[in-house]
Protein backbone atom coordinates (compact mmCIF):
# COMPACT_ATOMS: atom_id res chain seq x y z
CA MET A 1 -104.31 -80.20 8.21
CA ALA A 2 -102.09 -78.39 10.65
CA GLY A 3 -101.59 -79.98 14.04
CA ILE A 4 -102.92 -83.41 13.03
CA GLU A 5 -100.35 -86.16 12.84
CA GLN A 6 -100.53 -88.37 9.79
CA LEU A 7 -98.98 -91.56 8.55
CA ASP A 8 -95.44 -91.09 7.26
CA GLN A 9 -95.77 -90.27 3.55
CA ASP A 10 -93.11 -92.82 2.53
CA ILE A 11 -95.15 -95.56 4.20
CA ALA A 12 -98.46 -94.21 2.90
CA GLY A 13 -97.07 -94.15 -0.62
CA ARG A 14 -96.25 -97.86 -0.47
CA LEU A 15 -99.73 -98.98 0.61
CA LYS A 16 -102.13 -100.44 -1.94
CA ARG A 17 -105.55 -99.99 -0.40
CA ASP A 18 -108.85 -101.58 -1.39
CA ARG A 19 -111.71 -99.42 -2.69
CA ASP A 20 -112.60 -98.52 0.91
CA GLY A 21 -109.05 -97.33 1.67
CA LEU A 22 -108.23 -100.42 3.76
CA VAL A 23 -105.33 -102.84 3.96
CA ALA A 24 -105.60 -106.34 5.43
CA ALA A 25 -103.66 -106.84 8.66
CA VAL A 26 -102.67 -110.40 9.56
CA VAL A 27 -101.88 -110.64 13.27
CA ARG A 28 -99.58 -113.24 14.82
CA GLN A 29 -98.11 -113.95 18.23
CA TYR A 30 -94.58 -112.55 18.09
CA ASP A 31 -92.74 -115.39 19.83
CA THR A 32 -94.56 -118.46 18.47
CA GLY A 33 -95.73 -117.28 15.04
CA GLU A 34 -99.27 -118.45 15.83
CA VAL A 35 -101.73 -116.67 13.53
CA LEU A 36 -104.30 -114.96 15.74
CA MET A 37 -106.63 -112.93 13.56
CA LEU A 38 -107.22 -110.83 10.47
CA ALA A 39 -108.33 -107.22 10.74
CA TRP A 40 -108.39 -104.08 8.60
CA MET A 41 -106.42 -100.85 8.79
CA ASP A 42 -106.57 -97.54 7.04
CA ASP A 43 -103.79 -94.93 7.17
CA GLU A 44 -105.00 -93.53 10.50
CA ALA A 45 -105.23 -96.95 12.17
CA LEU A 46 -101.72 -97.82 10.98
CA HIS A 47 -100.40 -94.46 12.18
CA ARG A 48 -101.96 -94.97 15.61
CA THR A 49 -100.57 -98.50 15.81
CA LEU A 50 -97.05 -97.42 14.88
CA THR A 51 -97.01 -94.46 17.27
CA THR A 52 -98.73 -95.99 20.32
CA GLY A 53 -97.58 -99.62 20.24
CA ARG A 54 -101.22 -100.72 20.65
CA ALA A 55 -102.97 -102.45 17.76
CA THR A 56 -105.64 -100.15 16.32
CA TYR A 57 -108.00 -101.31 13.57
CA TRP A 58 -110.88 -100.04 11.48
CA SER A 59 -114.13 -101.89 12.16
CA ARG A 60 -115.97 -102.32 8.88
CA SER A 61 -119.15 -103.40 10.66
CA ARG A 62 -119.22 -100.54 13.17
CA GLY A 63 -117.58 -97.92 10.97
CA GLU A 64 -115.15 -96.80 13.68
CA TYR A 65 -111.66 -97.30 15.04
CA TRP A 66 -111.06 -99.81 17.81
CA VAL A 67 -107.99 -100.40 19.91
CA LYS A 68 -107.72 -104.11 20.57
CA GLY A 69 -108.37 -104.71 24.25
CA ASP A 70 -109.90 -101.37 25.21
CA THR A 71 -113.22 -103.01 26.07
CA SER A 72 -112.23 -106.67 26.52
CA GLY A 73 -108.88 -106.25 28.25
CA HIS A 74 -107.35 -108.57 25.63
CA ILE A 75 -104.63 -106.15 24.60
CA GLN A 76 -102.22 -106.55 21.71
CA HIS A 77 -98.81 -105.04 22.43
CA VAL A 78 -97.23 -104.47 19.03
CA LYS A 79 -93.68 -105.77 18.65
CA SER A 80 -93.29 -105.14 14.90
CA VAL A 81 -95.19 -104.33 11.73
CA ALA A 82 -94.15 -105.50 8.26
CA LEU A 83 -95.52 -104.55 4.86
CA ASP A 84 -95.68 -107.28 2.22
CA CYS A 85 -93.89 -106.99 -1.12
CA ASP A 86 -97.03 -105.83 -2.95
CA GLY A 87 -97.99 -103.26 -0.32
CA ASP A 88 -101.49 -104.69 0.08
CA ALA A 89 -101.13 -106.52 3.39
CA LEU A 90 -99.57 -105.93 6.79
CA LEU A 91 -98.17 -108.45 9.25
CA LEU A 92 -98.40 -107.41 12.89
CA SER A 93 -96.34 -109.34 15.43
CA VAL A 94 -97.92 -108.80 18.83
CA ASP A 95 -97.82 -109.98 22.40
CA GLN A 96 -101.45 -111.02 22.85
CA VAL A 97 -102.95 -110.74 26.34
CA GLY A 98 -105.86 -113.18 26.61
CA PRO A 99 -107.90 -114.43 23.66
CA ALA A 100 -107.53 -112.69 20.30
CA CYS A 101 -110.94 -113.68 18.96
CA HIS A 102 -114.19 -111.97 19.95
CA THR A 103 -115.62 -115.47 20.52
CA GLY A 104 -113.20 -116.00 23.40
CA THR A 105 -110.78 -118.35 21.63
CA ARG A 106 -107.05 -117.78 21.46
CA THR A 107 -107.13 -117.52 17.67
CA CYS A 108 -109.88 -116.74 15.19
CA PHE A 109 -108.69 -119.63 13.01
CA THR A 110 -110.25 -122.61 14.80
CA ASP A 111 -112.40 -124.20 12.08
CA GLU A 112 -110.19 -126.55 10.06
CA LEU A 113 -111.55 -127.32 6.61
CA PRO A 114 -110.93 -130.74 5.02
CA VAL A 115 -108.34 -130.83 2.25
CA THR A 116 -109.19 -133.73 -0.02
CA ALA A 117 -106.67 -133.18 -2.80
CA ASP A 118 -104.41 -136.06 -3.69
CA THR A 119 -101.07 -134.60 -2.57
CA ALA A 120 -99.10 -137.02 -4.75
CA ALA A 121 -101.03 -135.87 -7.85
CA ALA A 122 -100.68 -132.23 -6.87
CA ALA A 123 -96.90 -132.62 -6.59
CA ARG A 124 -96.61 -133.79 -10.20
């Protein structure tokens, strides 16, 4: 399509998308490594993220793009984006302004689950 910018074809060719054309995006705080959230991106969301420096995702529940912070003010300034070795996940390093989670918490990963495995037995 003439006039419409698209994701670089070299990058697009490396992505392994799910059946809905999406790739998981793990988001972490750039300076501490704290894992903030998991979201989903398609080619357009990744293109927008790479070219604007603002994290843009595909909302599976709403069926639309969303730029993190446009409604909440909790902006993610993108510092870097990495593609994993298999091409099926992205790692965004961001400078998070305010909470990352829609519940108002800093991170979406607040519910620790008990690990009951015997670590000595697992090491054998």
